N, C-alpha and C. Protein backbone atom coordinates (compact mmCIF):
# COMPACT_ATOMS: atom_id res chain seq x y z
N MET A 1 77.39 -136.63 -1.79
CA MET A 1 77.97 -136.89 -0.49
C MET A 1 79.49 -137.06 -0.63
N ASN A 2 80.25 -136.44 0.29
CA ASN A 2 81.71 -136.50 0.17
C ASN A 2 82.39 -136.93 1.46
N GLY A 3 81.63 -137.45 2.43
CA GLY A 3 82.22 -137.89 3.68
C GLY A 3 81.40 -139.01 4.31
N LYS A 4 81.93 -139.54 5.41
CA LYS A 4 81.27 -140.62 6.13
C LYS A 4 81.21 -140.27 7.61
N VAL A 5 80.16 -140.72 8.28
CA VAL A 5 80.03 -140.53 9.72
C VAL A 5 79.88 -141.90 10.36
N THR A 6 80.50 -142.07 11.53
CA THR A 6 80.40 -143.30 12.30
C THR A 6 80.24 -142.94 13.77
N ALA A 7 79.36 -143.65 14.45
CA ALA A 7 79.15 -143.38 15.88
C ALA A 7 80.18 -144.13 16.71
N LEU A 8 80.48 -143.59 17.88
CA LEU A 8 81.33 -144.28 18.84
C LEU A 8 80.46 -145.19 19.71
N HIS A 9 80.97 -146.37 19.99
CA HIS A 9 80.22 -147.32 20.79
C HIS A 9 80.00 -146.79 22.21
N LYS A 10 78.74 -146.77 22.64
CA LYS A 10 78.35 -146.34 23.98
C LYS A 10 78.74 -144.90 24.29
N ASN A 11 78.93 -144.10 23.25
CA ASN A 11 79.25 -142.68 23.46
C ASN A 11 78.59 -141.86 22.36
N PRO A 12 77.30 -141.53 22.55
CA PRO A 12 76.57 -140.80 21.50
C PRO A 12 77.02 -139.37 21.32
N ARG A 13 77.81 -138.84 22.25
CA ARG A 13 78.22 -137.43 22.18
C ARG A 13 79.14 -137.16 20.99
N TYR A 14 80.00 -138.11 20.66
CA TYR A 14 81.01 -137.90 19.62
C TYR A 14 80.71 -138.71 18.37
N LYS A 15 81.16 -138.17 17.23
CA LYS A 15 81.05 -138.88 15.96
C LYS A 15 82.41 -138.86 15.26
N LEU A 16 82.71 -139.95 14.57
CA LEU A 16 83.90 -140.02 13.72
C LEU A 16 83.52 -139.58 12.31
N ILE A 17 84.27 -138.63 11.78
CA ILE A 17 84.03 -138.12 10.44
C ILE A 17 85.22 -138.47 9.55
N THR A 18 84.96 -139.08 8.41
CA THR A 18 86.00 -139.36 7.43
C THR A 18 85.78 -138.46 6.22
N TYR A 19 86.82 -137.66 5.89
CA TYR A 19 86.68 -136.67 4.81
C TYR A 19 88.04 -136.47 4.15
N HIS A 20 88.09 -136.67 2.85
CA HIS A 20 89.33 -136.49 2.08
C HIS A 20 90.49 -137.29 2.69
N HIS A 21 90.21 -138.56 3.02
CA HIS A 21 91.22 -139.48 3.54
C HIS A 21 91.77 -139.05 4.90
N LYS A 22 91.05 -138.18 5.59
CA LYS A 22 91.42 -137.79 6.95
C LYS A 22 90.28 -138.16 7.90
N ASN A 23 90.63 -138.40 9.16
CA ASN A 23 89.65 -138.78 10.17
C ASN A 23 89.55 -137.70 11.24
N TYR A 24 88.33 -137.33 11.56
CA TYR A 24 88.09 -136.27 12.54
C TYR A 24 87.16 -136.78 13.63
N LEU A 25 87.30 -136.19 14.79
CA LEU A 25 86.40 -136.44 15.91
C LEU A 25 85.58 -135.18 16.15
N VAL A 26 84.26 -135.34 16.18
CA VAL A 26 83.36 -134.19 16.32
C VAL A 26 82.51 -134.36 17.58
N ASP A 27 82.44 -133.30 18.37
CA ASP A 27 81.59 -133.26 19.55
C ASP A 27 80.25 -132.66 19.16
N THR A 28 79.19 -133.47 19.13
CA THR A 28 77.88 -132.98 18.69
C THR A 28 77.21 -132.08 19.71
N GLU A 29 77.77 -132.00 20.93
CA GLU A 29 77.16 -131.20 21.99
C GLU A 29 77.95 -129.93 22.30
N GLN A 30 78.82 -129.53 21.39
CA GLN A 30 79.69 -128.38 21.69
C GLN A 30 78.94 -127.05 21.72
N SER A 31 77.79 -126.96 21.08
CA SER A 31 77.00 -125.73 21.10
C SER A 31 75.85 -125.87 22.10
N PHE A 32 75.72 -124.89 23.00
CA PHE A 32 74.62 -124.91 23.97
C PHE A 32 73.26 -124.94 23.26
N TRP A 33 73.15 -124.19 22.17
CA TRP A 33 71.86 -124.07 21.49
C TRP A 33 71.43 -125.37 20.83
N SER A 34 72.38 -126.30 20.62
CA SER A 34 72.00 -127.57 19.98
C SER A 34 71.12 -128.42 20.89
N TYR A 35 71.14 -128.14 22.20
CA TYR A 35 70.26 -128.88 23.11
C TYR A 35 68.79 -128.50 22.91
N ILE A 36 68.57 -127.29 22.43
CA ILE A 36 67.21 -126.80 22.19
C ILE A 36 66.84 -126.91 20.72
N PHE A 37 67.81 -126.64 19.85
CA PHE A 37 67.59 -126.61 18.40
C PHE A 37 68.71 -127.43 17.75
N PRO A 38 68.56 -128.77 17.68
CA PRO A 38 69.66 -129.63 17.21
C PRO A 38 70.09 -129.36 15.77
N MET A 39 69.21 -128.78 14.95
CA MET A 39 69.53 -128.52 13.56
C MET A 39 70.61 -127.44 13.40
N ILE A 40 70.94 -126.75 14.52
CA ILE A 40 71.99 -125.73 14.44
C ILE A 40 73.34 -126.36 14.11
N ASN A 41 73.49 -127.66 14.39
CA ASN A 41 74.72 -128.36 14.04
C ASN A 41 74.94 -128.43 12.53
N TRP A 42 73.88 -128.26 11.75
CA TRP A 42 74.00 -128.27 10.28
C TRP A 42 74.30 -126.87 9.74
N ILE A 43 74.03 -125.85 10.54
CA ILE A 43 74.10 -124.47 10.05
C ILE A 43 75.45 -123.82 10.38
N LEU A 44 75.87 -123.98 11.63
CA LEU A 44 77.11 -123.35 12.09
C LEU A 44 78.30 -124.28 11.89
N PRO A 45 79.48 -123.73 11.62
CA PRO A 45 80.69 -124.58 11.55
C PRO A 45 80.90 -125.29 12.88
N ILE A 46 81.24 -126.55 12.81
CA ILE A 46 81.43 -127.34 14.02
C ILE A 46 82.89 -127.72 14.15
N LYS A 47 83.44 -127.58 15.36
CA LYS A 47 84.84 -127.88 15.59
C LYS A 47 85.10 -129.38 15.42
N ALA A 48 86.18 -129.69 14.72
CA ALA A 48 86.54 -131.09 14.47
C ALA A 48 88.01 -131.30 14.80
N TYR A 49 88.28 -132.32 15.57
CA TYR A 49 89.66 -132.65 15.96
C TYR A 49 90.21 -133.69 14.98
N GLU A 50 91.31 -133.36 14.31
CA GLU A 50 91.90 -134.29 13.36
C GLU A 50 92.67 -135.38 14.11
N LEU A 51 92.29 -136.62 13.91
CA LEU A 51 92.88 -137.74 14.62
C LEU A 51 94.15 -138.23 13.93
N SER A 52 95.14 -138.58 14.73
CA SER A 52 96.30 -139.26 14.18
C SER A 52 95.91 -140.71 13.89
N ASP A 53 96.74 -141.41 13.13
CA ASP A 53 96.45 -142.81 12.83
C ASP A 53 96.37 -143.64 14.10
N GLU A 54 97.24 -143.34 15.06
CA GLU A 54 97.25 -144.10 16.32
C GLU A 54 95.95 -143.88 17.10
N GLU A 55 95.53 -142.62 17.19
CA GLU A 55 94.28 -142.32 17.90
C GLU A 55 93.09 -142.95 17.22
N TYR A 56 93.07 -142.89 15.89
CA TYR A 56 91.96 -143.48 15.14
C TYR A 56 91.90 -144.98 15.35
N ASN A 57 93.03 -145.66 15.32
CA ASN A 57 93.07 -147.11 15.52
C ASN A 57 92.60 -147.50 16.91
N GLU A 58 92.98 -146.69 17.91
CA GLU A 58 92.53 -146.96 19.28
C GLU A 58 91.01 -146.87 19.39
N ILE A 59 90.44 -145.84 18.76
CA ILE A 59 88.99 -145.68 18.79
C ILE A 59 88.31 -146.81 18.04
N GLN A 60 88.86 -147.21 16.90
CA GLN A 60 88.29 -148.29 16.12
C GLN A 60 88.31 -149.60 16.89
N GLN A 61 89.35 -149.83 17.69
CA GLN A 61 89.42 -151.04 18.50
C GLN A 61 88.32 -151.05 19.54
N ASP A 62 88.07 -149.89 20.13
CA ASP A 62 86.98 -149.79 21.09
C ASP A 62 85.64 -150.05 20.42
N GLU A 63 85.52 -149.59 19.17
CA GLU A 63 84.27 -149.76 18.44
C GLU A 63 83.95 -151.23 18.18
N THR A 64 84.96 -152.03 17.91
CA THR A 64 84.73 -153.43 17.54
C THR A 64 84.57 -154.34 18.74
N MET A 65 84.66 -153.79 19.97
CA MET A 65 84.51 -154.61 21.15
C MET A 65 83.07 -155.10 21.32
N SER A 66 82.12 -154.40 20.73
CA SER A 66 80.72 -154.79 20.84
C SER A 66 80.02 -154.58 19.52
N LYS A 67 79.11 -155.48 19.18
CA LYS A 67 78.35 -155.36 17.94
C LYS A 67 76.87 -155.08 18.22
N THR A 68 76.60 -154.59 19.42
CA THR A 68 75.23 -154.30 19.79
C THR A 68 74.64 -153.23 18.90
N GLN A 69 73.45 -153.46 18.38
CA GLN A 69 72.79 -152.50 17.51
C GLN A 69 72.13 -151.42 18.36
N LYS A 70 72.28 -150.15 17.93
CA LYS A 70 71.64 -149.04 18.62
C LYS A 70 70.20 -148.91 18.14
N LYS A 71 69.30 -148.64 19.08
CA LYS A 71 67.89 -148.51 18.75
C LYS A 71 67.54 -147.03 18.62
N ASN A 72 66.49 -146.76 17.87
CA ASN A 72 66.05 -145.39 17.67
C ASN A 72 65.43 -144.86 18.95
N GLN A 73 66.01 -143.78 19.51
CA GLN A 73 65.53 -143.27 20.79
C GLN A 73 64.11 -142.73 20.70
N SER A 74 63.74 -142.17 19.55
CA SER A 74 62.41 -141.59 19.43
C SER A 74 61.33 -142.65 19.55
N LEU A 75 61.56 -143.85 18.96
CA LEU A 75 60.60 -144.93 19.08
C LEU A 75 60.49 -145.38 20.53
N PHE A 76 61.61 -145.43 21.23
CA PHE A 76 61.59 -145.86 22.63
C PHE A 76 60.80 -144.89 23.50
N VAL A 77 61.10 -143.58 23.36
CA VAL A 77 60.42 -142.58 24.17
C VAL A 77 58.92 -142.56 23.86
N GLY A 78 58.59 -142.53 22.55
CA GLY A 78 57.19 -142.52 22.16
C GLY A 78 56.45 -143.75 22.65
N GLY A 79 57.10 -144.91 22.51
CA GLY A 79 56.47 -146.16 22.96
C GLY A 79 56.25 -146.18 24.46
N MET A 80 57.21 -145.69 25.23
CA MET A 80 57.08 -145.68 26.67
C MET A 80 55.95 -144.76 27.12
N VAL A 81 55.84 -143.59 26.48
CA VAL A 81 54.76 -142.65 26.84
C VAL A 81 53.39 -143.27 26.56
N VAL A 82 53.26 -143.90 25.38
CA VAL A 82 51.98 -144.53 25.02
C VAL A 82 51.66 -145.68 25.98
N LEU A 83 52.67 -146.49 26.31
CA LEU A 83 52.46 -147.62 27.22
C LEU A 83 52.04 -147.15 28.60
N LEU A 84 52.76 -146.14 29.12
CA LEU A 84 52.41 -145.61 30.44
C LEU A 84 51.02 -144.99 30.44
N SER A 85 50.67 -144.31 29.33
CA SER A 85 49.33 -143.70 29.24
C SER A 85 48.25 -144.78 29.34
N SER A 86 48.47 -145.89 28.63
CA SER A 86 47.49 -146.98 28.64
C SER A 86 47.38 -147.63 30.01
N ILE A 87 48.51 -147.82 30.67
CA ILE A 87 48.51 -148.49 31.97
C ILE A 87 47.88 -147.62 33.05
N LEU A 88 48.20 -146.31 33.00
CA LEU A 88 47.77 -145.41 34.08
C LEU A 88 46.43 -144.74 33.83
N ARG A 89 45.86 -144.92 32.63
CA ARG A 89 44.58 -144.25 32.32
C ARG A 89 43.47 -144.60 33.31
N PRO A 90 43.33 -145.89 33.72
CA PRO A 90 42.24 -146.22 34.65
C PRO A 90 42.34 -145.50 35.99
N ILE A 91 43.52 -145.10 36.40
CA ILE A 91 43.66 -144.44 37.70
C ILE A 91 43.98 -142.95 37.56
N SER A 92 43.88 -142.43 36.35
CA SER A 92 44.27 -141.03 36.13
C SER A 92 43.41 -140.05 36.93
N ASP A 93 42.13 -140.37 37.08
CA ASP A 93 41.25 -139.47 37.83
C ASP A 93 41.68 -139.35 39.29
N LEU A 94 42.30 -140.39 39.81
CA LEU A 94 42.75 -140.37 41.20
C LEU A 94 43.96 -139.47 41.40
N LEU A 95 44.61 -139.09 40.28
CA LEU A 95 45.82 -138.29 40.36
C LEU A 95 45.57 -136.82 40.05
N ASP A 96 44.29 -136.43 39.95
CA ASP A 96 43.96 -135.01 39.76
C ASP A 96 44.33 -134.22 41.01
N ILE A 97 44.90 -133.03 40.81
CA ILE A 97 45.28 -132.18 41.93
C ILE A 97 44.87 -130.74 41.62
N ASP A 98 44.64 -129.98 42.67
CA ASP A 98 44.32 -128.55 42.53
C ASP A 98 45.50 -127.74 43.04
N ILE A 99 46.20 -127.10 42.10
CA ILE A 99 47.33 -126.26 42.49
C ILE A 99 47.26 -124.94 41.74
N SER A 100 47.95 -123.94 42.25
CA SER A 100 47.88 -122.59 41.69
C SER A 100 48.74 -122.46 40.44
N TYR A 101 48.50 -121.37 39.73
CA TYR A 101 49.27 -121.04 38.52
C TYR A 101 50.76 -120.92 38.84
N ALA A 102 51.08 -120.28 39.97
CA ALA A 102 52.47 -120.08 40.36
C ALA A 102 53.17 -121.40 40.64
N ILE A 103 52.46 -122.32 41.29
CA ILE A 103 53.06 -123.62 41.59
C ILE A 103 53.28 -124.42 40.31
N ASN A 104 52.34 -124.29 39.37
CA ASN A 104 52.53 -124.94 38.06
C ASN A 104 53.82 -124.46 37.39
N ILE A 105 54.03 -123.15 37.40
CA ILE A 105 55.25 -122.58 36.80
C ILE A 105 56.48 -123.12 37.53
N THR A 106 56.41 -123.16 38.86
CA THR A 106 57.54 -123.65 39.65
C THR A 106 57.87 -125.10 39.32
N ILE A 107 56.84 -125.94 39.21
CA ILE A 107 57.07 -127.37 38.91
C ILE A 107 57.69 -127.53 37.52
N ILE A 108 57.20 -126.77 36.54
CA ILE A 108 57.76 -126.86 35.19
C ILE A 108 59.22 -126.42 35.18
N ILE A 109 59.53 -125.33 35.90
CA ILE A 109 60.92 -124.87 35.99
C ILE A 109 61.80 -125.95 36.62
N LEU A 110 61.29 -126.61 37.67
CA LEU A 110 62.05 -127.68 38.32
C LEU A 110 62.27 -128.86 37.39
N LEU A 111 61.27 -129.18 36.56
CA LEU A 111 61.42 -130.26 35.59
C LEU A 111 62.48 -129.92 34.55
N ILE A 112 62.47 -128.65 34.10
CA ILE A 112 63.49 -128.21 33.13
C ILE A 112 64.88 -128.28 33.76
N LEU A 113 65.00 -127.85 35.01
CA LEU A 113 66.28 -127.92 35.70
C LEU A 113 66.74 -129.37 35.88
N ALA A 114 65.79 -130.26 36.19
CA ALA A 114 66.12 -131.68 36.35
C ALA A 114 66.65 -132.25 35.04
N ALA A 115 66.01 -131.89 33.92
CA ALA A 115 66.47 -132.36 32.61
C ALA A 115 67.86 -131.81 32.30
N CYS A 116 68.11 -130.54 32.66
CA CYS A 116 69.42 -129.92 32.41
C CYS A 116 70.51 -130.60 33.23
N VAL A 117 70.23 -130.87 34.51
CA VAL A 117 71.21 -131.53 35.38
C VAL A 117 71.52 -132.93 34.87
N PHE A 118 70.48 -133.66 34.48
CA PHE A 118 70.68 -135.01 33.96
C PHE A 118 71.55 -135.00 32.71
N ARG A 119 71.27 -134.07 31.80
CA ARG A 119 72.05 -134.00 30.55
C ARG A 119 73.48 -133.54 30.81
N TYR A 120 73.65 -132.65 31.79
CA TYR A 120 75.01 -132.22 32.13
C TYR A 120 75.82 -133.39 32.67
N ARG A 121 75.22 -134.19 33.55
CA ARG A 121 75.91 -135.36 34.09
C ARG A 121 76.23 -136.36 32.98
N LEU A 122 75.29 -136.54 32.07
CA LEU A 122 75.51 -137.47 30.96
C LEU A 122 76.63 -136.96 30.05
N ARG A 123 76.65 -135.65 29.81
CA ARG A 123 77.71 -135.05 28.99
C ARG A 123 79.08 -135.27 29.63
N GLN A 124 79.16 -135.09 30.95
CA GLN A 124 80.42 -135.29 31.65
C GLN A 124 80.86 -136.75 31.61
N ASN A 125 79.92 -137.66 31.74
CA ASN A 125 80.25 -139.09 31.71
C ASN A 125 80.79 -139.53 30.36
N HIS A 126 80.36 -138.85 29.29
CA HIS A 126 80.77 -139.22 27.93
C HIS A 126 82.02 -138.46 27.46
N ALA A 127 82.56 -137.59 28.29
CA ALA A 127 83.71 -136.79 27.87
C ALA A 127 84.93 -137.68 27.61
N LEU A 128 85.65 -137.39 26.52
CA LEU A 128 86.87 -138.10 26.18
C LEU A 128 88.09 -137.29 26.63
N ASN A 129 89.13 -137.99 26.99
CA ASN A 129 90.35 -137.33 27.45
C ASN A 129 91.23 -136.93 26.26
N ILE A 130 90.68 -136.00 25.46
CA ILE A 130 91.39 -135.50 24.28
C ILE A 130 91.30 -133.98 24.27
N ASP A 131 92.43 -133.32 24.03
CA ASP A 131 92.43 -131.86 23.94
C ASP A 131 91.93 -131.47 22.55
N MET A 132 90.65 -131.09 22.49
CA MET A 132 90.02 -130.79 21.20
C MET A 132 90.53 -129.48 20.59
N GLN A 133 91.35 -128.72 21.32
CA GLN A 133 91.87 -127.46 20.78
C GLN A 133 93.09 -127.67 19.89
N LEU A 134 93.68 -128.86 19.97
CA LEU A 134 94.84 -129.17 19.14
C LEU A 134 94.37 -129.75 17.80
N GLN A 135 95.15 -129.48 16.74
CA GLN A 135 94.83 -130.00 15.41
C GLN A 135 93.36 -129.76 15.06
N LEU A 136 92.95 -128.50 15.28
CA LEU A 136 91.54 -128.16 15.15
C LEU A 136 91.19 -127.68 13.76
N SER A 137 90.07 -128.18 13.24
CA SER A 137 89.47 -127.69 12.00
C SER A 137 88.02 -127.36 12.29
N LYS A 138 87.40 -126.64 11.36
CA LYS A 138 85.96 -126.38 11.45
C LYS A 138 85.29 -126.90 10.18
N LEU A 139 84.25 -127.68 10.37
CA LEU A 139 83.54 -128.29 9.25
C LEU A 139 82.07 -127.88 9.28
N CYS A 140 81.52 -127.62 8.12
CA CYS A 140 80.07 -127.42 7.98
C CYS A 140 79.51 -128.71 7.39
N ILE A 141 78.69 -129.41 8.18
CA ILE A 141 78.29 -130.77 7.84
C ILE A 141 76.79 -130.88 7.68
N LEU A 142 76.37 -131.54 6.62
CA LEU A 142 74.97 -131.90 6.42
C LEU A 142 74.86 -133.42 6.39
N PRO A 143 73.92 -134.00 7.13
CA PRO A 143 73.73 -135.45 7.08
C PRO A 143 72.93 -135.84 5.84
N SER A 144 72.62 -137.11 5.73
CA SER A 144 71.81 -137.59 4.62
C SER A 144 70.39 -137.02 4.72
N LEU A 145 69.68 -137.03 3.60
CA LEU A 145 68.30 -136.53 3.58
C LEU A 145 67.43 -137.31 4.56
N LYS A 146 67.65 -138.62 4.64
CA LYS A 146 66.88 -139.45 5.57
C LYS A 146 67.10 -139.00 7.01
N GLN A 147 68.35 -138.70 7.37
CA GLN A 147 68.65 -138.26 8.73
C GLN A 147 68.09 -136.87 9.00
N ILE A 148 68.14 -135.99 8.00
CA ILE A 148 67.54 -134.66 8.16
C ILE A 148 66.05 -134.77 8.46
N LEU A 149 65.35 -135.59 7.68
CA LEU A 149 63.90 -135.76 7.87
C LEU A 149 63.60 -136.41 9.22
N LEU A 150 64.42 -137.39 9.62
CA LEU A 150 64.20 -138.07 10.90
C LEU A 150 64.41 -137.10 12.07
N THR A 151 65.46 -136.28 11.98
CA THR A 151 65.72 -135.32 13.04
C THR A 151 64.62 -134.26 13.12
N LEU A 152 64.20 -133.76 11.96
CA LEU A 152 63.13 -132.76 11.93
C LEU A 152 61.83 -133.34 12.49
N ALA A 153 61.51 -134.58 12.12
CA ALA A 153 60.28 -135.21 12.61
C ALA A 153 60.35 -135.42 14.12
N SER A 154 61.51 -135.87 14.60
CA SER A 154 61.67 -136.08 16.04
C SER A 154 61.58 -134.76 16.81
N PHE A 155 62.19 -133.72 16.24
CA PHE A 155 62.13 -132.40 16.86
C PHE A 155 60.69 -131.89 16.92
N LEU A 156 59.95 -132.11 15.84
CA LEU A 156 58.55 -131.66 15.78
C LEU A 156 57.70 -132.41 16.80
N VAL A 157 57.86 -133.73 16.86
CA VAL A 157 57.09 -134.54 17.81
C VAL A 157 57.40 -134.12 19.24
N CYS A 158 58.69 -133.93 19.53
CA CYS A 158 59.11 -133.54 20.87
C CYS A 158 58.55 -132.17 21.25
N SER A 159 58.70 -131.21 20.35
CA SER A 159 58.22 -129.85 20.62
C SER A 159 56.71 -129.82 20.82
N LEU A 160 55.98 -130.56 19.98
CA LEU A 160 54.52 -130.62 20.12
C LEU A 160 54.12 -131.28 21.43
N GLY A 161 54.87 -132.33 21.83
CA GLY A 161 54.58 -132.99 23.09
C GLY A 161 54.78 -132.06 24.27
N ILE A 162 55.88 -131.31 24.25
CA ILE A 162 56.16 -130.36 25.34
C ILE A 162 55.10 -129.27 25.40
N LEU A 163 54.78 -128.67 24.24
CA LEU A 163 53.80 -127.58 24.20
C LEU A 163 52.40 -128.08 24.60
N THR A 164 52.07 -129.30 24.17
CA THR A 164 50.75 -129.86 24.48
C THR A 164 50.59 -130.06 25.98
N TYR A 165 51.59 -130.66 26.62
CA TYR A 165 51.48 -130.91 28.06
C TYR A 165 51.52 -129.62 28.86
N ILE A 166 52.31 -128.64 28.42
CA ILE A 166 52.32 -127.35 29.12
C ILE A 166 50.95 -126.68 28.99
N TYR A 167 50.35 -126.76 27.78
CA TYR A 167 49.02 -126.18 27.59
C TYR A 167 47.98 -126.87 28.49
N ILE A 168 48.05 -128.20 28.55
CA ILE A 168 47.09 -128.95 29.38
C ILE A 168 47.27 -128.60 30.85
N ILE A 169 48.53 -128.49 31.28
CA ILE A 169 48.80 -128.18 32.69
C ILE A 169 48.18 -126.85 33.10
N PHE A 170 48.22 -125.85 32.21
CA PHE A 170 47.73 -124.52 32.56
C PHE A 170 46.26 -124.29 32.20
N ASN A 171 45.68 -125.15 31.39
CA ASN A 171 44.32 -124.89 30.91
C ASN A 171 43.33 -126.01 31.21
N ALA A 172 43.75 -127.05 31.90
CA ALA A 172 42.84 -128.13 32.26
C ALA A 172 43.09 -128.50 33.72
N GLN A 173 42.35 -129.49 34.16
CA GLN A 173 42.54 -129.98 35.52
C GLN A 173 43.95 -130.54 35.67
N SER A 174 44.70 -130.01 36.64
CA SER A 174 46.07 -130.48 36.85
C SER A 174 46.07 -131.94 37.28
N ASN A 175 47.01 -132.68 36.72
CA ASN A 175 47.10 -134.11 37.00
C ASN A 175 48.59 -134.48 37.09
N ILE A 176 48.92 -135.30 38.06
CA ILE A 176 50.32 -135.68 38.24
C ILE A 176 50.90 -136.32 36.98
N LEU A 177 50.06 -137.04 36.23
CA LEU A 177 50.54 -137.70 35.01
C LEU A 177 51.06 -136.71 33.98
N HIS A 178 50.48 -135.51 33.93
CA HIS A 178 50.92 -134.51 32.95
C HIS A 178 52.39 -134.13 33.19
N TYR A 179 52.78 -134.01 34.44
CA TYR A 179 54.17 -133.67 34.76
C TYR A 179 55.10 -134.85 34.47
N ILE A 180 54.59 -136.07 34.77
CA ILE A 180 55.40 -137.27 34.53
C ILE A 180 55.69 -137.43 33.04
N PHE A 181 54.69 -137.18 32.20
CA PHE A 181 54.86 -137.36 30.75
C PHE A 181 55.61 -136.20 30.10
N LEU A 182 55.62 -135.04 30.76
CA LEU A 182 56.36 -133.90 30.21
C LEU A 182 57.87 -134.13 30.29
N LEU A 183 58.34 -134.74 31.36
CA LEU A 183 59.78 -134.90 31.58
C LEU A 183 60.49 -135.68 30.47
N PRO A 184 59.98 -136.84 30.01
CA PRO A 184 60.70 -137.55 28.94
C PRO A 184 60.78 -136.76 27.64
N PHE A 185 59.77 -135.94 27.34
CA PHE A 185 59.84 -135.11 26.14
C PHE A 185 60.95 -134.06 26.28
N LEU A 186 61.08 -133.48 27.48
CA LEU A 186 62.15 -132.51 27.72
C LEU A 186 63.53 -133.17 27.57
N LEU A 187 63.67 -134.36 28.15
CA LEU A 187 64.94 -135.08 28.06
C LEU A 187 65.29 -135.44 26.63
N PHE A 188 64.29 -135.93 25.90
CA PHE A 188 64.56 -136.36 24.53
C PHE A 188 64.93 -135.19 23.64
N LEU A 189 64.30 -134.03 23.86
CA LEU A 189 64.65 -132.85 23.08
C LEU A 189 66.12 -132.49 23.26
N THR A 190 66.62 -132.55 24.50
CA THR A 190 68.02 -132.20 24.75
C THR A 190 68.97 -133.27 24.23
N TYR A 191 68.45 -134.43 23.87
CA TYR A 191 69.28 -135.54 23.40
C TYR A 191 69.36 -135.61 21.88
N LEU A 192 68.52 -134.85 21.20
CA LEU A 192 68.46 -134.93 19.74
C LEU A 192 69.75 -134.47 19.06
N ASN A 193 70.52 -133.59 19.71
CA ASN A 193 71.76 -133.12 19.08
C ASN A 193 72.74 -134.27 18.83
N THR A 194 72.69 -135.31 19.65
CA THR A 194 73.63 -136.42 19.49
C THR A 194 73.34 -137.25 18.23
N SER A 195 72.13 -137.13 17.71
CA SER A 195 71.79 -137.88 16.49
C SER A 195 71.62 -136.97 15.28
N SER A 196 72.08 -135.72 15.39
CA SER A 196 71.88 -134.76 14.30
C SER A 196 72.61 -135.16 13.02
N PHE A 197 73.70 -135.93 13.14
CA PHE A 197 74.43 -136.39 11.95
C PHE A 197 74.18 -137.87 11.65
N GLY A 198 73.39 -138.52 12.48
CA GLY A 198 73.17 -139.95 12.31
C GLY A 198 74.29 -140.75 12.97
N ASN A 199 74.14 -142.06 12.98
CA ASN A 199 75.14 -142.93 13.60
C ASN A 199 76.06 -143.61 12.60
N LYS A 200 75.61 -143.71 11.35
CA LYS A 200 76.43 -144.34 10.33
C LYS A 200 75.87 -143.99 8.96
N GLY A 201 76.74 -143.57 8.05
CA GLY A 201 76.27 -143.28 6.70
C GLY A 201 77.01 -142.13 6.05
N ASP A 202 76.46 -141.67 4.94
CA ASP A 202 77.08 -140.60 4.16
C ASP A 202 76.70 -139.24 4.73
N ILE A 203 77.62 -138.29 4.56
CA ILE A 203 77.36 -136.90 4.93
C ILE A 203 77.93 -136.00 3.83
N PHE A 204 77.48 -134.75 3.84
CA PHE A 204 77.99 -133.77 2.87
C PHE A 204 78.65 -132.64 3.64
N ILE A 205 79.95 -132.45 3.42
CA ILE A 205 80.69 -131.35 4.05
C ILE A 205 80.80 -130.21 3.04
N TRP A 206 80.10 -129.12 3.33
CA TRP A 206 79.96 -128.06 2.33
C TRP A 206 80.94 -126.89 2.56
N ARG A 207 81.67 -126.93 3.69
CA ARG A 207 82.69 -125.90 3.87
C ARG A 207 83.66 -126.37 4.95
N THR A 208 84.94 -126.03 4.78
CA THR A 208 85.95 -126.37 5.78
C THR A 208 86.77 -125.13 6.09
N HIS A 209 87.31 -125.13 7.30
CA HIS A 209 88.21 -124.05 7.69
C HIS A 209 89.25 -124.63 8.63
N ASN A 210 90.50 -124.55 8.28
CA ASN A 210 91.59 -125.07 9.09
C ASN A 210 92.27 -123.95 9.87
N HIS A 211 92.59 -124.26 11.11
CA HIS A 211 93.32 -123.28 11.94
C HIS A 211 94.81 -123.44 11.74
């Protein structure tokens, strides 16, 4: 490992990268495909803004304003789905509905659009007022093995959850709960790119390119 990554407080979109005594700011959501396949952040060069000492100190001051520990989003999403399943199971039969194949497709498309709109709004809310085109470098970054395994496991769980509920929707009795439980899996999948490098720890930068 030859670098360090640090998360910004209350802003999962960006990560601070320390490499060869320089500090960079990286936008983990800069690639559209990372919302679907977060591991692409490890494969393609990612744009990194080199911070001046003044900018870095300002960000560090913001970081120390709160010591709240970040929780693992995958545990939260998984726990909520299991809890809701247990609570709503006794009334699940009452939520069975008969709808056509076309309406099922329409509802799923609307759920995907809802997840996209939510993530777009979240992305805009987390935007920093920094011109990322200045002092630009490109870094190829690999996180720790633990973070790689955690991201892959989360991606697998999310993908299986989405495929499972879509299969159930089209091949079993339609139930309102199936649509309700599909949405958090869609949202979590689009959120995985923000944790592709982890929130704190060692990273390996295997290639750099300066403009």
